Amino acid sequence: MEKLLWSIALPGFGQLLNRKYIKGVVLVFLEFLVNVRGDFNKIIIYSFQGNIEMAIEQANYQWLMFYPCLYFFAMWDAYKDAGGGEKPYSFLPFVFASYLVTVGTIYSSKITLFGVLMGPVWLPMLSVVPGVGIGLILQMLLNKREVGHNEKV
């Protein structure tokens, strides 16, 4: 859990704690590259200050779309290297969160919830919940199917 939480704080930190130094340094470098090229810190500041239009204007979506895959892969990898993810299909919540956060990023300048434009921080963050949920449901269904299949054999 510690490695997963550090990886959530900054992609690559979990790998460094797992003594996967090259992988950790590469992920930290990629996080900084995507963050700077996508102007992500400015977007976060504008979003937290409620200036969604400015966040949208500042966003470089070509770079921001890399962030969810990098972020969730780093979390999954740190978790798995630390001994988690032993159950089959335990990667699915991470993968589906990444997919839906990427889609949330793509549509973040257009979609409103209850009349509120969410922008490139809030809509992707909200997309984590259904992504993890879909991944957990698929993981459960696939594991049940596998157990049922093994019982028949």
N, C-alpha and C. Protein backbone atom coordinates (compact mmCIF):
# COMPACT_ATOMS: atom_id res chain seq x y z
N MET A 1 0.83 -1.19 0.00
CA MET A 1 0.00 0.00 0.00
C MET A 1 0.87 1.26 0.00
N GLU A 2 1.98 1.23 0.75
CA GLU A 2 2.87 2.39 0.82
C GLU A 2 3.39 2.76 -0.57
N LYS A 3 3.83 1.75 -1.32
CA LYS A 3 4.39 2.01 -2.65
C LYS A 3 3.33 2.57 -3.60
N LEU A 4 2.11 2.04 -3.48
CA LEU A 4 1.01 2.53 -4.30
C LEU A 4 0.72 4.00 -3.97
N LEU A 5 0.66 4.33 -2.70
CA LEU A 5 0.36 5.71 -2.31
C LEU A 5 1.46 6.68 -2.74
N TRP A 6 2.72 6.28 -2.65
CA TRP A 6 3.80 7.15 -3.12
C TRP A 6 3.74 7.31 -4.63
N SER A 7 3.33 6.26 -5.33
CA SER A 7 3.20 6.35 -6.78
C SER A 7 2.05 7.26 -7.17
N ILE A 8 1.00 7.30 -6.35
CA ILE A 8 -0.09 8.24 -6.59
C ILE A 8 0.42 9.67 -6.41
N ALA A 9 1.28 9.88 -5.41
CA ALA A 9 1.83 11.22 -5.17
C ALA A 9 2.67 11.69 -6.34
N LEU A 10 3.53 10.81 -6.86
CA LEU A 10 4.35 11.15 -8.02
C LEU A 10 4.75 9.86 -8.72
N PRO A 11 4.34 9.68 -9.97
CA PRO A 11 4.74 8.48 -10.69
C PRO A 11 6.25 8.29 -10.68
N GLY A 12 6.67 7.08 -10.31
CA GLY A 12 8.08 6.75 -10.22
C GLY A 12 8.56 6.59 -8.78
N PHE A 13 7.91 7.27 -7.84
CA PHE A 13 8.33 7.16 -6.44
C PHE A 13 8.13 5.74 -5.91
N GLY A 14 7.03 5.09 -6.27
CA GLY A 14 6.80 3.71 -5.84
C GLY A 14 7.88 2.78 -6.37
N GLN A 15 8.30 2.98 -7.60
CA GLN A 15 9.36 2.17 -8.19
C GLN A 15 10.67 2.39 -7.45
N LEU A 16 10.97 3.64 -7.10
CA LEU A 16 12.19 3.92 -6.36
C LEU A 16 12.17 3.22 -5.00
N LEU A 17 11.02 3.23 -4.33
CA LEU A 17 10.90 2.52 -3.05
C LEU A 17 11.02 1.01 -3.23
N ASN A 18 10.61 0.51 -4.38
CA ASN A 18 10.74 -0.92 -4.69
C ASN A 18 12.13 -1.28 -5.19
N ARG A 19 13.03 -0.32 -5.17
CA ARG A 19 14.41 -0.49 -5.62
C ARG A 19 14.52 -0.80 -7.12
N LYS A 20 13.56 -0.34 -7.88
CA LYS A 20 13.59 -0.42 -9.34
C LYS A 20 14.02 0.96 -9.84
N TYR A 21 15.30 1.25 -9.65
CA TYR A 21 15.80 2.61 -9.82
C TYR A 21 15.71 3.14 -11.24
N ILE A 22 16.07 2.34 -12.21
CA ILE A 22 16.03 2.82 -13.60
C ILE A 22 14.58 3.10 -13.99
N LYS A 23 13.70 2.15 -13.70
CA LYS A 23 12.28 2.34 -14.03
C LYS A 23 11.73 3.57 -13.30
N GLY A 24 12.09 3.73 -12.03
CA GLY A 24 11.63 4.87 -11.24
C GLY A 24 12.09 6.20 -11.81
N VAL A 25 13.36 6.28 -12.16
CA VAL A 25 13.90 7.53 -12.72
C VAL A 25 13.24 7.82 -14.06
N VAL A 26 13.05 6.81 -14.89
CA VAL A 26 12.39 7.02 -16.18
C VAL A 26 10.96 7.54 -15.99
N LEU A 27 10.22 6.94 -15.05
CA LEU A 27 8.85 7.38 -14.81
C LEU A 27 8.78 8.79 -14.23
N VAL A 28 9.70 9.13 -13.32
CA VAL A 28 9.74 10.49 -12.78
C VAL A 28 10.06 11.47 -13.91
N PHE A 29 11.02 11.13 -14.76
CA PHE A 29 11.36 12.00 -15.89
C PHE A 29 10.16 12.18 -16.82
N LEU A 30 9.49 11.08 -17.16
CA LEU A 30 8.33 11.17 -18.05
C LEU A 30 7.21 11.99 -17.42
N GLU A 31 7.01 11.84 -16.11
CA GLU A 31 5.99 12.61 -15.43
C GLU A 31 6.30 14.10 -15.54
N PHE A 32 7.54 14.48 -15.30
CA PHE A 32 7.92 15.89 -15.42
C PHE A 32 7.79 16.39 -16.85
N LEU A 33 8.20 15.58 -17.81
CA LEU A 33 8.10 15.96 -19.22
C LEU A 33 6.64 16.23 -19.61
N VAL A 34 5.77 15.27 -19.32
CA VAL A 34 4.36 15.42 -19.69
C VAL A 34 3.73 16.56 -18.91
N ASN A 35 4.07 16.68 -17.64
CA ASN A 35 3.53 17.75 -16.80
C ASN A 35 3.91 19.13 -17.36
N VAL A 36 5.17 19.32 -17.69
CA VAL A 36 5.64 20.62 -18.18
C VAL A 36 5.07 20.89 -19.58
N ARG A 37 5.16 19.91 -20.47
CA ARG A 37 4.69 20.12 -21.85
C ARG A 37 3.17 20.32 -21.90
N GLY A 38 2.45 19.69 -20.99
CA GLY A 38 0.99 19.85 -20.96
C GLY A 38 0.52 21.02 -20.13
N ASP A 39 1.47 21.75 -19.48
CA ASP A 39 1.14 22.86 -18.58
C ASP A 39 0.22 22.42 -17.45
N PHE A 40 0.42 21.21 -16.98
CA PHE A 40 -0.52 20.61 -16.03
C PHE A 40 -0.58 21.35 -14.69
N ASN A 41 0.54 21.81 -14.17
CA ASN A 41 0.51 22.52 -12.89
C ASN A 41 -0.31 23.81 -12.98
N LYS A 42 -0.17 24.54 -14.08
CA LYS A 42 -0.98 25.76 -14.26
C LYS A 42 -2.45 25.40 -14.35
N ILE A 43 -2.75 24.31 -15.04
CA ILE A 43 -4.14 23.87 -15.21
C ILE A 43 -4.73 23.51 -13.84
N ILE A 44 -3.94 22.84 -13.01
CA ILE A 44 -4.41 22.48 -11.67
C ILE A 44 -4.69 23.73 -10.85
N ILE A 45 -3.78 24.70 -10.90
CA ILE A 45 -3.97 25.94 -10.14
C ILE A 45 -5.24 26.65 -10.61
N TYR A 46 -5.39 26.84 -11.91
CA TYR A 46 -6.59 27.51 -12.43
C TYR A 46 -7.86 26.75 -12.04
N SER A 47 -7.82 25.43 -12.11
CA SER A 47 -9.00 24.63 -11.79
C SER A 47 -9.37 24.76 -10.31
N PHE A 48 -8.39 24.68 -9.45
CA PHE A 48 -8.67 24.81 -8.02
C PHE A 48 -9.15 26.22 -7.65
N GLN A 49 -8.75 27.20 -8.43
CA GLN A 49 -9.20 28.57 -8.21
C GLN A 49 -10.56 28.84 -8.87
N GLY A 50 -11.10 27.84 -9.56
CA GLY A 50 -12.40 27.98 -10.18
C GLY A 50 -12.38 28.65 -11.55
N ASN A 51 -11.21 28.83 -12.12
CA ASN A 51 -11.08 29.48 -13.43
C ASN A 51 -10.94 28.39 -14.50
N ILE A 52 -12.04 27.71 -14.77
CA ILE A 52 -12.03 26.56 -15.68
C ILE A 52 -11.72 26.98 -17.11
N GLU A 53 -12.27 28.11 -17.54
CA GLU A 53 -12.01 28.58 -18.91
C GLU A 53 -10.52 28.80 -19.14
N MET A 54 -9.84 29.39 -18.16
CA MET A 54 -8.40 29.63 -18.28
C MET A 54 -7.65 28.30 -18.28
N ALA A 55 -8.11 27.35 -17.47
CA ALA A 55 -7.48 26.03 -17.45
C ALA A 55 -7.59 25.37 -18.82
N ILE A 56 -8.76 25.48 -19.44
CA ILE A 56 -8.97 24.89 -20.77
C ILE A 56 -8.07 25.57 -21.80
N GLU A 57 -7.98 26.89 -21.75
CA GLU A 57 -7.12 27.62 -22.68
C GLU A 57 -5.66 27.24 -22.52
N GLN A 58 -5.23 27.01 -21.29
CA GLN A 58 -3.83 26.70 -20.99
C GLN A 58 -3.46 25.27 -21.39
N ALA A 59 -4.44 24.39 -21.42
CA ALA A 59 -4.17 22.96 -21.61
C ALA A 59 -3.59 22.64 -22.98
N ASN A 60 -2.57 21.83 -22.98
CA ASN A 60 -2.03 21.26 -24.20
C ASN A 60 -2.49 19.81 -24.23
N TYR A 61 -3.62 19.57 -24.86
CA TYR A 61 -4.26 18.25 -24.82
C TYR A 61 -3.41 17.17 -25.47
N GLN A 62 -2.59 17.55 -26.45
CA GLN A 62 -1.72 16.55 -27.09
C GLN A 62 -0.80 15.90 -26.06
N TRP A 63 -0.34 16.66 -25.08
CA TRP A 63 0.52 16.11 -24.03
C TRP A 63 -0.29 15.56 -22.87
N LEU A 64 -1.37 16.24 -22.50
CA LEU A 64 -2.17 15.80 -21.35
C LEU A 64 -2.74 14.39 -21.53
N MET A 65 -2.99 14.01 -22.75
CA MET A 65 -3.57 12.68 -22.99
C MET A 65 -2.60 11.55 -22.64
N PHE A 66 -1.31 11.84 -22.54
CA PHE A 66 -0.34 10.83 -22.10
C PHE A 66 -0.40 10.60 -20.59
N TYR A 67 -0.84 11.61 -19.87
CA TYR A 67 -0.74 11.57 -18.42
C TYR A 67 -1.50 10.41 -17.76
N PRO A 68 -2.77 10.15 -18.13
CA PRO A 68 -3.49 9.06 -17.45
C PRO A 68 -2.81 7.70 -17.58
N CYS A 69 -2.33 7.37 -18.77
CA CYS A 69 -1.69 6.07 -18.96
C CYS A 69 -0.39 5.99 -18.16
N LEU A 70 0.39 7.03 -18.19
CA LEU A 70 1.63 7.08 -17.40
C LEU A 70 1.32 6.96 -15.91
N TYR A 71 0.36 7.71 -15.45
CA TYR A 71 0.01 7.78 -14.04
C TYR A 71 -0.50 6.42 -13.52
N PHE A 72 -1.45 5.84 -14.23
CA PHE A 72 -2.03 4.58 -13.75
C PHE A 72 -1.10 3.39 -13.98
N PHE A 73 -0.28 3.45 -15.03
CA PHE A 73 0.72 2.39 -15.19
C PHE A 73 1.72 2.43 -14.04
N ALA A 74 2.18 3.61 -13.67
CA ALA A 74 3.14 3.73 -12.56
C ALA A 74 2.53 3.19 -11.27
N MET A 75 1.25 3.50 -11.04
CA MET A 75 0.59 2.97 -9.83
C MET A 75 0.53 1.44 -9.87
N TRP A 76 0.07 0.90 -11.00
CA TRP A 76 -0.06 -0.55 -11.13
C TRP A 76 1.30 -1.23 -10.96
N ASP A 77 2.30 -0.70 -11.62
CA ASP A 77 3.62 -1.31 -11.59
C ASP A 77 4.20 -1.30 -10.18
N ALA A 78 4.07 -0.19 -9.47
CA ALA A 78 4.58 -0.11 -8.09
C ALA A 78 3.85 -1.09 -7.19
N TYR A 79 2.54 -1.16 -7.36
CA TYR A 79 1.70 -2.08 -6.58
C TYR A 79 2.10 -3.53 -6.84
N LYS A 80 2.26 -3.87 -8.12
CA LYS A 80 2.60 -5.25 -8.49
C LYS A 80 4.01 -5.62 -8.01
N ASP A 81 4.97 -4.72 -8.20
CA ASP A 81 6.35 -4.99 -7.75
C ASP A 81 6.45 -5.13 -6.24
N ALA A 82 5.53 -4.51 -5.51
CA ALA A 82 5.54 -4.59 -4.05
C ALA A 82 4.83 -5.85 -3.55
N GLY A 83 4.32 -6.68 -4.47
CA GLY A 83 3.67 -7.93 -4.08
C GLY A 83 2.17 -7.92 -4.20
N GLY A 84 1.59 -6.82 -4.62
CA GLY A 84 0.14 -6.76 -4.84
C GLY A 84 -0.21 -7.33 -6.20
N GLY A 85 -1.48 -7.35 -6.47
CA GLY A 85 -1.93 -7.76 -7.79
C GLY A 85 -1.73 -9.23 -8.09
N GLU A 86 -1.80 -10.07 -7.06
CA GLU A 86 -1.61 -11.51 -7.26
C GLU A 86 -2.83 -12.17 -7.91
N LYS A 87 -4.01 -11.63 -7.66
CA LYS A 87 -5.22 -12.20 -8.23
C LYS A 87 -5.24 -11.98 -9.74
N PRO A 88 -5.78 -12.93 -10.47
CA PRO A 88 -5.91 -12.71 -11.93
C PRO A 88 -6.75 -11.46 -12.22
N TYR A 89 -6.37 -10.77 -13.23
CA TYR A 89 -7.08 -9.58 -13.73
C TYR A 89 -7.05 -8.41 -12.75
N SER A 90 -6.15 -8.41 -11.80
CA SER A 90 -6.12 -7.31 -10.83
C SER A 90 -5.64 -6.00 -11.46
N PHE A 91 -5.16 -6.06 -12.67
CA PHE A 91 -4.74 -4.85 -13.39
C PHE A 91 -5.94 -4.08 -13.96
N LEU A 92 -7.09 -4.73 -14.08
CA LEU A 92 -8.23 -4.13 -14.77
C LEU A 92 -8.71 -2.81 -14.17
N PRO A 93 -8.80 -2.65 -12.84
CA PRO A 93 -9.22 -1.34 -12.32
C PRO A 93 -8.26 -0.21 -12.73
N PHE A 94 -6.99 -0.49 -12.79
CA PHE A 94 -6.01 0.52 -13.20
C PHE A 94 -6.17 0.85 -14.69
N VAL A 95 -6.35 -0.18 -15.50
CA VAL A 95 -6.48 0.01 -16.96
C VAL A 95 -7.74 0.79 -17.29
N PHE A 96 -8.87 0.40 -16.71
CA PHE A 96 -10.11 1.09 -17.04
C PHE A 96 -10.15 2.50 -16.47
N ALA A 97 -9.52 2.73 -15.33
CA ALA A 97 -9.40 4.10 -14.82
C ALA A 97 -8.59 4.93 -15.82
N SER A 98 -7.51 4.36 -16.33
CA SER A 98 -6.69 5.07 -17.32
C SER A 98 -7.50 5.39 -18.57
N TYR A 99 -8.26 4.42 -19.06
CA TYR A 99 -9.08 4.65 -20.26
C TYR A 99 -10.08 5.79 -20.03
N LEU A 100 -10.83 5.68 -18.94
CA LEU A 100 -11.88 6.67 -18.74
C LEU A 100 -11.33 8.05 -18.38
N VAL A 101 -10.21 8.11 -17.70
CA VAL A 101 -9.59 9.42 -17.44
C VAL A 101 -9.10 10.04 -18.75
N THR A 102 -8.57 9.22 -19.65
CA THR A 102 -8.16 9.73 -20.96
C THR A 102 -9.37 10.27 -21.72
N VAL A 103 -10.46 9.53 -21.73
CA VAL A 103 -11.69 10.00 -22.39
C VAL A 103 -12.20 11.27 -21.70
N GLY A 104 -12.14 11.29 -20.36
CA GLY A 104 -12.54 12.49 -19.63
C GLY A 104 -11.69 13.69 -20.01
N THR A 105 -10.40 13.46 -20.22
CA THR A 105 -9.51 14.54 -20.65
C THR A 105 -9.91 15.05 -22.03
N ILE A 106 -10.19 14.13 -22.93
CA ILE A 106 -10.56 14.50 -24.31
C ILE A 106 -11.80 15.39 -24.32
N TYR A 107 -12.81 15.03 -23.52
CA TYR A 107 -14.08 15.75 -23.54
C TYR A 107 -14.20 16.83 -22.47
N SER A 108 -13.12 17.08 -21.73
CA SER A 108 -13.20 17.98 -20.58
C SER A 108 -13.51 19.43 -20.94
N SER A 109 -13.28 19.83 -22.16
CA SER A 109 -13.58 21.21 -22.54
C SER A 109 -15.02 21.36 -23.05
N LYS A 110 -15.75 20.25 -23.14
CA LYS A 110 -17.10 20.29 -23.71
C LYS A 110 -18.19 19.84 -22.74
N ILE A 111 -17.89 18.89 -21.87
CA ILE A 111 -18.92 18.26 -21.03
C ILE A 111 -19.18 19.09 -19.78
N THR A 112 -20.48 19.29 -19.52
CA THR A 112 -20.89 19.93 -18.28
C THR A 112 -21.66 18.91 -17.45
N LEU A 113 -21.54 19.02 -16.14
CA LEU A 113 -22.33 18.21 -15.22
C LEU A 113 -23.18 19.17 -14.40
N PHE A 114 -24.50 18.99 -14.50
CA PHE A 114 -25.44 19.87 -13.81
C PHE A 114 -25.20 21.33 -14.19
N GLY A 115 -24.86 21.54 -15.47
CA GLY A 115 -24.65 22.89 -15.99
C GLY A 115 -23.29 23.49 -15.69
N VAL A 116 -22.38 22.71 -15.09
CA VAL A 116 -21.06 23.22 -14.73
C VAL A 116 -20.01 22.59 -15.63
N LEU A 117 -19.24 23.44 -16.30
CA LEU A 117 -18.13 22.96 -17.12
C LEU A 117 -17.03 22.48 -16.19
N MET A 118 -16.64 21.21 -16.32
CA MET A 118 -15.72 20.60 -15.37
C MET A 118 -14.25 20.88 -15.69
N GLY A 119 -13.89 20.93 -16.94
CA GLY A 119 -12.52 21.25 -17.32
C GLY A 119 -11.56 20.08 -17.21
N PRO A 120 -10.27 20.35 -17.52
CA PRO A 120 -9.28 19.29 -17.68
C PRO A 120 -8.71 18.71 -16.38
N VAL A 121 -9.21 19.14 -15.23
CA VAL A 121 -8.80 18.51 -13.97
C VAL A 121 -9.98 17.75 -13.37
N TRP A 122 -11.12 18.42 -13.21
CA TRP A 122 -12.23 17.82 -12.47
C TRP A 122 -12.90 16.68 -13.21
N LEU A 123 -13.17 16.81 -14.51
CA LEU A 123 -13.83 15.71 -15.23
C LEU A 123 -12.94 14.46 -15.28
N PRO A 124 -11.65 14.59 -15.60
CA PRO A 124 -10.80 13.39 -15.53
C PRO A 124 -10.75 12.78 -14.13
N MET A 125 -10.69 13.62 -13.10
CA MET A 125 -10.67 13.07 -11.74
C MET A 125 -11.96 12.31 -11.43
N LEU A 126 -13.08 12.86 -11.84
CA LEU A 126 -14.35 12.17 -11.61
C LEU A 126 -14.44 10.87 -12.42
N SER A 127 -13.73 10.80 -13.52
CA SER A 127 -13.74 9.62 -14.38
C SER A 127 -13.02 8.44 -13.75
N VAL A 128 -12.21 8.68 -12.73
CA VAL A 128 -11.51 7.58 -12.05
C VAL A 128 -12.51 6.62 -11.43
N VAL A 129 -13.55 7.15 -10.80
CA VAL A 129 -14.51 6.32 -10.06
C VAL A 129 -15.20 5.29 -10.96
N PRO A 130 -15.83 5.71 -12.07
CA PRO A 130 -16.43 4.68 -12.92
C PRO A 130 -15.39 3.76 -13.56
N GLY A 131 -14.21 4.28 -13.83
CA GLY A 131 -13.15 3.44 -14.41
C GLY A 131 -12.75 2.32 -13.46
N VAL A 132 -12.48 2.66 -12.21
CA VAL A 132 -12.13 1.64 -11.21
C VAL A 132 -13.30 0.69 -11.01
N GLY A 133 -14.51 1.24 -10.96
CA GLY A 133 -15.70 0.40 -10.78
C GLY A 133 -15.87 -0.62 -11.89
N ILE A 134 -15.75 -0.18 -13.13
CA ILE A 134 -15.87 -1.09 -14.28
C ILE A 134 -14.77 -2.15 -14.21
N GLY A 135 -13.56 -1.72 -13.90
CA GLY A 135 -12.44 -2.67 -13.79
C GLY A 135 -12.68 -3.71 -12.70
N LEU A 136 -13.19 -3.29 -11.55
CA LEU A 136 -13.47 -4.23 -10.46
C LEU A 136 -14.57 -5.21 -10.82
N ILE A 137 -15.61 -4.71 -11.48
CA ILE A 137 -16.71 -5.59 -11.90
C ILE A 137 -16.21 -6.61 -12.93
N LEU A 138 -15.45 -6.16 -13.92
CA LEU A 138 -14.90 -7.09 -14.92
C LEU A 138 -13.96 -8.09 -14.27
N GLN A 139 -13.14 -7.64 -13.34
CA GLN A 139 -12.23 -8.54 -12.63
C GLN A 139 -13.02 -9.62 -11.90
N MET A 140 -14.07 -9.21 -11.20
CA MET A 140 -14.90 -10.16 -10.47
C MET A 140 -15.57 -11.16 -11.42
N LEU A 141 -16.15 -10.65 -12.52
CA LEU A 141 -16.83 -11.52 -13.48
C LEU A 141 -15.87 -12.51 -14.13
N LEU A 142 -14.71 -12.02 -14.53
CA LEU A 142 -13.73 -12.90 -15.17
C LEU A 142 -13.18 -13.94 -14.20
N ASN A 143 -12.98 -13.56 -12.96
CA ASN A 143 -12.50 -14.52 -11.96
C ASN A 143 -13.57 -15.57 -11.65
N LYS A 144 -14.85 -15.15 -11.60
CA LYS A 144 -15.94 -16.11 -11.39
C LYS A 144 -16.03 -17.08 -12.57
N ARG A 145 -15.90 -16.53 -13.77
CA ARG A 145 -15.96 -17.38 -14.97
C ARG A 145 -14.81 -18.39 -14.96
N GLU A 146 -13.64 -17.93 -14.55
CA GLU A 146 -12.47 -18.80 -14.50
C GLU A 146 -12.64 -19.91 -13.46
N VAL A 147 -13.21 -19.56 -12.30
CA VAL A 147 -13.46 -20.55 -11.26
C VAL A 147 -14.49 -21.57 -11.76
N GLY A 148 -15.55 -21.08 -12.38
CA GLY A 148 -16.57 -21.98 -12.94
C GLY A 148 -16.01 -22.89 -14.00
N HIS A 149 -15.14 -22.34 -14.85
CA HIS A 149 -14.51 -23.13 -15.90
C HIS A 149 -13.60 -24.20 -15.31
N ASN A 150 -12.83 -23.85 -14.29
CA ASN A 150 -11.93 -24.82 -13.65
C ASN A 150 -12.69 -25.91 -12.93
N GLU A 151 -13.87 -25.61 -12.38
CA GLU A 151 -14.68 -26.62 -11.71
C GLU A 151 -15.23 -27.64 -12.71
N LYS A 152 -15.52 -27.20 -13.95
CA LYS A 152 -16.05 -28.10 -14.97
C LYS A 152 -14.97 -29.04 -15.48
N VAL A 153 -13.72 -28.57 -15.47
CA VAL A 153 -12.61 -29.36 -16.01
C VAL A 153 -12.24 -30.40 -15.05
